[in-house]
């Protein structure tokens, strides 16, 4: 039986299109411990209490005045590619989502993206015969932590759903938790990449994002056309209920 841990983080920027990105990595349990040990040792040697991509990219916070930001990011990429089993990311324009799907009684954009991420984890487990339990970890105190807890508690509220996803537990952990750092890296970079694709003065993808994402990882951006197709599908369903409406979710977007 394969025991896995999934670390999920978010990035949100409302300067221009309000792009929300959720991203994460799945580790087999023993590899998660190895990653935590090696990455923590490296950060300690560098005198860093944690890794945060926005601080690293802009040389602020704990990275202020440092000349080794590229080296640190490269080490994180190396360890993540070597020790993680699967990476995933979902981006969505929150303004489009709220206009197209939210009026139908759908969950928040965060809840929608989180459901998509959990579905990706389940699909990876099925494809790789990793049917053991999975623990999900999030950064404590982040903007959507309450939303995450409520949504996960609701969606995994029955034994049937817990078994369907192989859900073991979810927890909120400190920013310094090593497993969160690759998730933070991918969420920040993938959110930026989507904003760059929208910008008329499109710039090429960042080299560190290209180095991080493997062919076996999954990234998905829900464009406006995707959301409109989902809306059309939902409107053809006679009854669709979400949290607060007394029912279970329809898996229409998996």
C-alpha atoms as a PDB file:
ATOM      1  CA  UNK A   1       0.000   0.000   0.000  1.00  0.00           C
ATOM      2  CA  UNK A   2       1.370   3.404  -1.006  1.00  0.00           C
ATOM      3  CA  UNK A   3       0.946   6.133   1.601  1.00  0.00           C
ATOM      4  CA  UNK A   4       1.170   9.600   0.090  1.00  0.00           C
ATOM      5  CA  UNK A   5       1.214  13.214   1.212  1.00  0.00           C
ATOM      6  CA  UNK A   6      -0.075  16.097  -0.925  1.00  0.00           C
ATOM      7  CA  UNK A   7       1.035  19.664  -0.203  1.00  0.00           C
ATOM      8  CA  UNK A   8      -1.082  22.432  -1.752  1.00  0.00           C
ATOM      9  CA  UNK A   9      -0.498  26.184  -1.821  1.00  0.00           C
ATOM     10  CA  UNK A  10      -2.079  29.147  -3.555  1.00  0.00           C
ATOM     11  CA  UNK A  11      -1.065  32.314  -5.349  1.00  0.00           C
ATOM     12  CA  UNK A  12      -3.378  35.202  -6.099  1.00  0.00           C
ATOM     13  CA  UNK A  13      -2.747  38.483  -7.874  1.00  0.00           C
ATOM     14  CA  UNK A  14      -5.467  41.018  -8.691  1.00  0.00           C
ATOM     15  CA  UNK A  15      -3.160  43.456 -10.450  1.00  0.00           C
ATOM     16  CA  UNK A  16      -4.806  43.188 -13.841  1.00  0.00           C
ATOM     17  CA  UNK A  17      -6.835  39.996 -14.340  1.00  0.00           C
ATOM     18  CA  UNK A  18      -7.513  38.453 -10.890  1.00  0.00           C
ATOM     19  CA  UNK A  19      -5.759  35.121 -11.436  1.00  0.00           C
ATOM     20  CA  UNK A  20      -6.009  32.474  -8.715  1.00  0.00           C
ATOM     21  CA  UNK A  21      -3.630  29.520  -8.869  1.00  0.00           C
ATOM     22  CA  UNK A  22      -3.618  26.420  -6.693  1.00  0.00           C
ATOM     23  CA  UNK A  23      -0.682  24.088  -7.068  1.00  0.00           C
ATOM     24  CA  UNK A  24       0.904  21.243  -5.236  1.00  0.00           C
ATOM     25  CA  UNK A  25       3.050  18.144  -5.130  1.00  0.00           C
ATOM     26  CA  UNK A  26       2.422  14.568  -4.109  1.00  0.00           C
ATOM     27  CA  UNK A  27       5.172  12.726  -2.273  1.00  0.00           C
ATOM     28  CA  UNK A  28       5.306   9.106  -1.304  1.00  0.00           C
ATOM     29  CA  UNK A  29       5.663   9.190   2.473  1.00  0.00           C
ATOM     30  CA  UNK A  30       9.282   8.060   2.716  1.00  0.00           C
ATOM     31  CA  UNK A  31      10.289  10.467  -0.057  1.00  0.00           C
ATOM     32  CA  UNK A  32       8.471  13.267   1.769  1.00  0.00           C
ATOM     33  CA  UNK A  33      10.629  12.623   4.822  1.00  0.00           C
ATOM     34  CA  UNK A  34      13.789  12.556   2.713  1.00  0.00           C
ATOM     35  CA  UNK A  35      12.819  15.785   0.953  1.00  0.00           C
ATOM     36  CA  UNK A  36      12.067  17.512   4.275  1.00  0.00           C
ATOM     37  CA  UNK A  37      15.417  16.450   5.721  1.00  0.00           C
ATOM     38  CA  UNK A  38      17.542  17.450   2.730  1.00  0.00           C
ATOM     39  CA  UNK A  39      15.732  20.715   2.013  1.00  0.00           C
ATOM     40  CA  UNK A  40      15.695  21.789   5.672  1.00  0.00           C
ATOM     41  CA  UNK A  41      19.412  21.066   5.957  1.00  0.00           C
ATOM     42  CA  UNK A  42      20.079  23.142   2.844  1.00  0.00           C
ATOM     43  CA  UNK A  43      17.972  26.092   4.043  1.00  0.00           C
ATOM     44  CA  UNK A  44      19.657  26.023   7.450  1.00  0.00           C
ATOM     45  CA  UNK A  45      23.094  26.083   5.820  1.00  0.00           C
ATOM     46  CA  UNK A  46      21.944  29.108   3.830  1.00  0.00           C
ATOM     47  CA  UNK A  47      20.604  30.855   6.924  1.00  0.00           C
ATOM     48  CA  UNK A  48      17.038  30.852   5.552  1.00  0.00           C
ATOM     49  CA  UNK A  49      14.028  30.144   7.816  1.00  0.00           C
ATOM     50  CA  UNK A  50      11.818  29.175   4.867  1.00  0.00           C
ATOM     51  CA  UNK A  51      11.424  29.523   1.109  1.00  0.00           C
ATOM     52  CA  UNK A  52       8.841  31.857  -0.402  1.00  0.00           C
ATOM     53  CA  UNK A  53       8.901  32.295  -4.171  1.00  0.00           C
ATOM     54  CA  UNK A  54       7.715  35.900  -4.305  1.00  0.00           C
ATOM     55  CA  UNK A  55      10.432  36.905  -1.841  1.00  0.00           C
ATOM     56  CA  UNK A  56      13.046  34.918  -3.745  1.00  0.00           C
ATOM     57  CA  UNK A  57      12.042  36.312  -7.152  1.00  0.00           C
ATOM     58  CA  UNK A  58      12.022  39.929  -5.966  1.00  0.00           C
ATOM     59  CA  UNK A  59      14.853  39.649  -3.415  1.00  0.00           C
ATOM     60  CA  UNK A  60      12.791  40.887  -0.519  1.00  0.00           C
ATOM     61  CA  UNK A  61      11.819  39.521   2.890  1.00  0.00           C
ATOM     62  CA  UNK A  62      14.266  36.800   3.943  1.00  0.00           C
ATOM     63  CA  UNK A  63      15.928  37.065   0.525  1.00  0.00           C
ATOM     64  CA  UNK A  64      16.575  40.798   0.718  1.00  0.00           C
ATOM     65  CA  UNK A  65      20.083  41.687  -0.430  1.00  0.00           C
ATOM     66  CA  UNK A  66      21.035  38.092  -1.275  1.00  0.00           C
ATOM     67  CA  UNK A  67      22.966  37.184  -4.402  1.00  0.00           C
ATOM     68  CA  UNK A  68      22.186  33.447  -4.304  1.00  0.00           C
ATOM     69  CA  UNK A  69      18.463  33.451  -5.140  1.00  0.00           C
ATOM     70  CA  UNK A  70      18.964  31.549  -8.422  1.00  0.00           C
ATOM     71  CA  UNK A  71      21.109  28.969  -6.642  1.00  0.00           C
ATOM     72  CA  UNK A  72      18.477  28.424  -3.929  1.00  0.00           C
ATOM     73  CA  UNK A  73      15.649  28.082  -6.459  1.00  0.00           C
ATOM     74  CA  UNK A  74      17.747  25.663  -8.520  1.00  0.00           C
ATOM     75  CA  UNK A  75      18.306  23.462  -5.470  1.00  0.00           C
ATOM     76  CA  UNK A  76      14.575  23.386  -4.757  1.00  0.00           C
ATOM     77  CA  UNK A  77      13.904  22.387  -8.375  1.00  0.00           C
ATOM     78  CA  UNK A  78      16.531  19.643  -8.197  1.00  0.00           C
ATOM     79  CA  UNK A  79      15.147  18.087  -5.004  1.00  0.00           C
ATOM     80  CA  UNK A  80      11.534  18.408  -6.096  1.00  0.00           C
ATOM     81  CA  UNK A  81      12.106  16.737  -9.441  1.00  0.00           C
ATOM     82  CA  UNK A  82      14.091  13.966  -7.769  1.00  0.00           C
ATOM     83  CA  UNK A  83      11.882  13.226  -4.769  1.00  0.00           C
ATOM     84  CA  UNK A  84       8.299  14.244  -5.552  1.00  0.00           C
ATOM     85  CA  UNK A  85       5.986  11.838  -7.359  1.00  0.00           C
ATOM     86  CA  UNK A  86       3.628  14.260  -9.092  1.00  0.00           C
ATOM     87  CA  UNK A  87       3.045  17.987  -9.533  1.00  0.00           C
ATOM     88  CA  UNK A  88      -0.214  19.715 -10.431  1.00  0.00           C
ATOM     89  CA  UNK A  89      -1.606  23.225 -10.833  1.00  0.00           C
ATOM     90  CA  UNK A  90      -4.971  24.834 -11.619  1.00  0.00           C
ATOM     91  CA  UNK A  91      -5.446  28.485 -12.572  1.00  0.00           C
ATOM     92  CA  UNK A  92      -8.651  30.404 -12.987  1.00  0.00           C
ATOM     93  CA  UNK A  93      -9.681  34.006 -13.613  1.00  0.00           C
ATOM     94  CA  UNK A  94     -11.729  34.690 -10.502  1.00  0.00           C
ATOM     95  CA  UNK A  95     -13.666  37.502 -12.179  1.00  0.00           C
ATOM     96  CA  UNK A  96     -14.733  35.233 -15.055  1.00  0.00           C
ATOM     97  CA  UNK A  97     -15.626  32.444 -12.649  1.00  0.00           C
ATOM     98  CA  UNK A  98     -17.759  34.690 -10.438  1.00  0.00           C
ATOM     99  CA  UNK A  99     -19.572  36.030 -13.469  1.00  0.00           C
ATOM    100  CA  UNK A 100     -20.159  32.749 -15.292  1.00  0.00           C
ATOM    101  CA  UNK A 101     -20.493  29.995 -12.668  1.00  0.00           C
ATOM    102  CA  UNK A 102     -20.935  31.497  -9.217  1.00  0.00           C
ATOM    103  CA  UNK A 103     -24.537  32.665  -9.899  1.00  0.00           C
ATOM    104  CA  UNK A 104     -25.523  29.020 -10.432  1.00  0.00           C
ATOM    105  CA  UNK A 105     -24.897  28.214  -6.782  1.00  0.00           C
ATOM    106  CA  UNK A 106     -21.393  26.901  -7.380  1.00  0.00           C
ATOM    107  CA  UNK A 107     -18.681  26.970  -4.680  1.00  0.00           C
ATOM    108  CA  UNK A 108     -16.122  29.751  -4.548  1.00  0.00           C
ATOM    109  CA  UNK A 109     -13.427  29.920  -7.214  1.00  0.00           C
ATOM    110  CA  UNK A 110     -11.029  28.543  -4.608  1.00  0.00           C
ATOM    111  CA  UNK A 111     -13.333  25.615  -3.872  1.00  0.00           C
ATOM    112  CA  UNK A 112     -13.661  24.882  -7.592  1.00  0.00           C
ATOM    113  CA  UNK A 113      -9.885  24.954  -8.105  1.00  0.00           C
ATOM    114  CA  UNK A 114      -9.319  22.818  -5.012  1.00  0.00           C
ATOM    115  CA  UNK A 115     -11.799  20.224  -6.262  1.00  0.00           C
ATOM    116  CA  UNK A 116      -9.913  20.134  -9.562  1.00  0.00           C
ATOM    117  CA  UNK A 117      -6.577  19.631  -7.775  1.00  0.00           C
ATOM    118  CA  UNK A 118      -7.962  16.824  -5.627  1.00  0.00           C
ATOM    119  CA  UNK A 119      -9.328  15.188  -8.763  1.00  0.00           C
ATOM    120  CA  UNK A 120      -5.874  15.376 -10.366  1.00  0.00           C
ATOM    121  CA  UNK A 121      -4.342  13.690  -7.319  1.00  0.00           C
ATOM    122  CA  UNK A 122      -6.949  10.920  -7.462  1.00  0.00           C
ATOM    123  CA  UNK A 123      -6.377  10.401 -11.206  1.00  0.00           C
ATOM    124  CA  UNK A 124      -2.615  10.191 -10.678  1.00  0.00           C
ATOM    125  CA  UNK A 125      -3.102   7.621  -7.920  1.00  0.00           C
ATOM    126  CA  UNK A 126      -5.323   5.488 -10.129  1.00  0.00           C
ATOM    127  CA  UNK A 127      -2.895   5.662 -13.049  1.00  0.00           C
ATOM    128  CA  UNK A 128       0.069   4.759 -10.837  1.00  0.00           C
ATOM    129  CA  UNK A 129      -1.629   2.122  -8.683  1.00  0.00           C
ATOM    130  CA  UNK A 130      -1.011   4.198  -5.564  1.00  0.00           C
ATOM    131  CA  UNK A 131      -4.278   3.425  -3.839  1.00  0.00           C
ATOM    132  CA  UNK A 132      -3.207   3.964  -0.230  1.00  0.00           C
ATOM    133  CA  UNK A 133      -4.363   6.882   1.936  1.00  0.00           C
ATOM    134  CA  UNK A 134      -3.376  10.479   1.165  1.00  0.00           C
ATOM    135  CA  UNK A 135      -2.941  13.275   3.702  1.00  0.00           C
ATOM    136  CA  UNK A 136      -3.469  16.834   2.406  1.00  0.00           C
ATOM    137  CA  UNK A 137      -1.490  19.752   3.850  1.00  0.00           C
ATOM    138  CA  UNK A 138      -2.020  23.508   3.467  1.00  0.00           C
ATOM    139  CA  UNK A 139      -0.292  26.588   4.842  1.00  0.00           C
ATOM    140  CA  UNK A 140      -1.927  27.743   8.049  1.00  0.00           C
ATOM    141  CA  UNK A 141      -3.376  31.232   8.101  1.00  0.00           C
ATOM    142  CA  UNK A 142      -3.493  31.744   4.357  1.00  0.00           C
ATOM    143  CA  UNK A 143      -6.281  33.780   2.792  1.00  0.00           C
ATOM    144  CA  UNK A 144      -8.484  30.811   1.923  1.00  0.00           C
ATOM    145  CA  UNK A 145      -7.686  28.486   4.841  1.00  0.00           C
ATOM    146  CA  UNK A 146     -11.247  28.685   6.171  1.00  0.00           C
ATOM    147  CA  UNK A 147     -12.629  27.995   2.706  1.00  0.00           C
ATOM    148  CA  UNK A 148     -10.267  25.045   2.296  1.00  0.00           C
ATOM    149  CA  UNK A 149     -11.235  23.508   5.641  1.00  0.00           C
ATOM    150  CA  UNK A 150     -14.966  23.908   5.074  1.00  0.00           C
ATOM    151  CA  UNK A 151     -14.816  22.537   1.541  1.00  0.00           C
ATOM    152  CA  UNK A 152     -12.669  19.520   2.446  1.00  0.00           C
ATOM    153  CA  UNK A 153     -14.779  18.734   5.510  1.00  0.00           C
ATOM    154  CA  UNK A 154     -17.867  18.834   3.323  1.00  0.00           C
ATOM    155  CA  UNK A 155     -16.597  16.915   0.299  1.00  0.00           C
ATOM    156  CA  UNK A 156     -15.082  14.171   2.458  1.00  0.00           C
ATOM    157  CA  UNK A 157     -18.085  14.060   4.760  1.00  0.00           C
ATOM    158  CA  UNK A 158     -19.047  10.502   3.854  1.00  0.00           C
ATOM    159  CA  UNK A 159     -17.131   7.233   3.947  1.00  0.00           C
ATOM    160  CA  UNK A 160     -17.930   6.744   0.253  1.00  0.00           C
ATOM    161  CA  UNK A 161     -16.183   9.984  -0.741  1.00  0.00           C
ATOM    162  CA  UNK A 162     -13.215   9.361   1.546  1.00  0.00           C
ATOM    163  CA  UNK A 163     -12.743   5.926   0.013  1.00  0.00           C
ATOM    164  CA  UNK A 164     -13.203   7.290  -3.510  1.00  0.00           C
ATOM    165  CA  UNK A 165     -10.284   9.672  -3.107  1.00  0.00           C
ATOM    166  CA  UNK A 166      -8.238   7.676  -0.617  1.00  0.00           C
ATOM    167  CA  UNK A 167      -8.520  10.595   1.802  1.00  0.00           C
ATOM    168  CA  UNK A 168      -6.831  10.172   5.187  1.00  0.00           C
ATOM    169  CA  UNK A 169      -6.825  13.669   6.698  1.00  0.00           C
ATOM    170  CA  UNK A 170      -6.116  17.325   6.048  1.00  0.00           C
ATOM    171  CA  UNK A 171      -4.136  19.731   8.170  1.00  0.00           C
ATOM    172  CA  UNK A 172      -2.751  23.266   8.184  1.00  0.00           C
ATOM    173  CA  UNK A 173       0.961  23.574   8.809  1.00  0.00           C
ATOM    174  CA  UNK A 174       3.473  26.454   9.252  1.00  0.00           C
ATOM    175  CA  UNK A 175       5.012  28.271   6.282  1.00  0.00           C
ATOM    176  CA  UNK A 176       8.380  26.743   7.169  1.00  0.00           C
ATOM    177  CA  UNK A 177       7.084  23.212   6.409  1.00  0.00           C
ATOM    178  CA  UNK A 178       9.401  21.966   3.614  1.00  0.00           C
ATOM    179  CA  UNK A 179       6.695  20.209   1.584  1.00  0.00           C
ATOM    180  CA  UNK A 180       4.867  23.494   1.053  1.00  0.00           C
ATOM    181  CA  UNK A 181       7.815  25.168  -0.656  1.00  0.00           C
ATOM    182  CA  UNK A 182       7.619  23.372  -4.026  1.00  0.00           C
ATOM    183  CA  UNK A 183       3.854  24.032  -4.037  1.00  0.00           C
ATOM    184  CA  UNK A 184       4.465  27.716  -3.368  1.00  0.00           C
ATOM    185  CA  UNK A 185       7.085  27.783  -6.140  1.00  0.00           C
ATOM    186  CA  UNK A 186       4.740  26.229  -8.699  1.00  0.00           C
ATOM    187  CA  UNK A 187       1.682  28.285  -7.702  1.00  0.00           C
ATOM    188  CA  UNK A 188       3.562  31.585  -8.001  1.00  0.00           C
ATOM    189  CA  UNK A 189       5.218  30.679 -11.297  1.00  0.00           C
ATOM    190  CA  UNK A 190       2.156  29.171 -12.952  1.00  0.00           C
ATOM    191  CA  UNK A 191      -0.028  32.107 -11.914  1.00  0.00           C
ATOM    192  CA  UNK A 192       2.548  34.466 -13.405  1.00  0.00           C
ATOM    193  CA  UNK A 193       2.717  32.411 -16.595  1.00  0.00           C
ATOM    194  CA  UNK A 194      -1.054  32.656 -17.114  1.00  0.00           C
ATOM    195  CA  UNK A 195      -0.950  36.430 -16.594  1.00  0.00           C
ATOM    196  CA  UNK A 196       1.866  36.636 -19.143  1.00  0.00           C
ATOM    197  CA  UNK A 197      -0.190  34.679 -21.668  1.00  0.00           C
ATOM    198  CA  UNK A 198      -3.027  37.195 -21.300  1.00  0.00           C
ATOM    199  CA  UNK A 199      -0.731  40.224 -21.603  1.00  0.00           C
ATOM    200  CA  UNK A 200      -0.519  41.535 -25.211  1.00  0.00           C
ATOM    201  CA  UNK A 201       3.222  42.024 -24.653  1.00  0.00           C
ATOM    202  CA  UNK A 202       3.630  38.345 -23.961  1.00  0.00           C
ATOM    203  CA  UNK A 203       6.955  37.324 -22.485  1.00  0.00           C
ATOM    204  CA  UNK A 204       8.413  33.814 -22.702  1.00  0.00           C
ATOM    205  CA  UNK A 205       7.925  31.435 -19.757  1.00  0.00           C
ATOM    206  CA  UNK A 206      10.391  31.750 -16.905  1.00  0.00           C
ATOM    207  CA  UNK A 207      13.289  29.328 -17.159  1.00  0.00           C
ATOM    208  CA  UNK A 208      12.765  28.092 -13.602  1.00  0.00           C
ATOM    209  CA  UNK A 209       9.144  27.140 -14.382  1.00  0.00           C
ATOM    210  CA  UNK A 210      10.245  25.205 -17.464  1.00  0.00           C
ATOM    211  CA  UNK A 211      12.883  23.451 -15.369  1.00  0.00           C
ATOM    212  CA  UNK A 212      10.430  22.547 -12.610  1.00  0.00           C
ATOM    213  CA  UNK A 213       7.489  21.107 -14.552  1.00  0.00           C
ATOM    214  CA  UNK A 214       7.935  17.536 -15.799  1.00  0.00           C
ATOM    215  CA  UNK A 215       6.065  15.835 -18.627  1.00  0.00           C
ATOM    216  CA  UNK A 216       4.272  13.704 -16.039  1.00  0.00           C
ATOM    217  CA  UNK A 217       2.973  16.737 -14.113  1.00  0.00           C
ATOM    218  CA  UNK A 218      -0.380  18.366 -14.889  1.00  0.00           C
ATOM    219  CA  UNK A 219      -1.171  22.062 -15.245  1.00  0.00           C
ATOM    220  CA  UNK A 220      -4.556  23.375 -16.315  1.00  0.00           C
ATOM    221  CA  UNK A 221      -5.920  26.859 -16.894  1.00  0.00           C
ATOM    222  CA  UNK A 222      -9.702  27.240 -17.089  1.00  0.00           C
ATOM    223  CA  UNK A 223     -10.212  29.830 -19.817  1.00  0.00           C
ATOM    224  CA  UNK A 224     -13.511  31.635 -20.319  1.00  0.00           C
ATOM    225  CA  UNK A 225     -14.661  29.113 -22.933  1.00  0.00           C
ATOM    226  CA  UNK A 226     -14.128  26.244 -20.456  1.00  0.00           C
ATOM    227  CA  UNK A 227     -16.270  27.984 -17.858  1.00  0.00           C
ATOM    228  CA  UNK A 228     -19.012  28.692 -20.378  1.00  0.00           C
ATOM    229  CA  UNK A 229     -19.083  25.034 -21.420  1.00  0.00           C
ATOM    230  CA  UNK A 230     -19.398  24.018 -17.780  1.00  0.00           C
ATOM    231  CA  UNK A 231     -22.223  26.511 -17.310  1.00  0.00           C
ATOM    232  CA  UNK A 232     -24.064  25.083 -20.301  1.00  0.00           C
ATOM    233  CA  UNK A 233     -23.674  21.582 -18.906  1.00  0.00           C
ATOM    234  CA  UNK A 234     -24.918  22.616 -15.490  1.00  0.00           C
ATOM    235  CA  UNK A 235     -27.954  24.354 -16.934  1.00  0.00           C
ATOM    236  CA  UNK A 236     -28.958  21.026 -18.471  1.00  0.00           C
ATOM    237  CA  UNK A 237     -28.929  19.345 -15.075  1.00  0.00           C
ATOM    238  CA  UNK A 238     -32.271  19.598 -13.338  1.00  0.00           C
ATOM    239  CA  UNK A 239     -30.864  19.660  -9.814  1.00  0.00           C
ATOM    240  CA  UNK A 240     -27.349  20.541  -8.675  1.00  0.00           C
ATOM    241  CA  UNK A 241     -26.560  21.100  -5.014  1.00  0.00           C
ATOM    242  CA  UNK A 242     -23.426  22.432  -3.300  1.00  0.00           C
ATOM    243  CA  UNK A 243     -22.498  23.181   0.324  1.00  0.00           C
ATOM    244  CA  UNK A 244     -25.369  24.931   2.041  1.00  0.00           C
ATOM    245  CA  UNK A 245     -27.866  23.410  -0.401  1.00  0.00           C
ATOM    246  CA  UNK A 246     -28.206  20.072   1.361  1.00  0.00           C
ATOM    247  CA  UNK A 247     -26.744  17.754  -1.281  1.00  0.00           C
ATOM    248  CA  UNK A 248     -23.632  16.132  -2.658  1.00  0.00           C
ATOM    249  CA  UNK A 249     -21.589  17.540  -5.556  1.00  0.00           C
ATOM    250  CA  UNK A 250     -21.982  16.623  -9.194  1.00  0.00           C
ATOM    251  CA  UNK A 251     -18.593  15.638 -10.665  1.00  0.00           C
ATOM    252  CA  UNK A 252     -19.320  17.437 -13.915  1.00  0.00           C
ATOM    253  CA  UNK A 253     -15.874  18.948 -14.380  1.00  0.00           C
ATOM    254  CA  UNK A 254     -13.707  15.898 -13.793  1.00  0.00           C
END
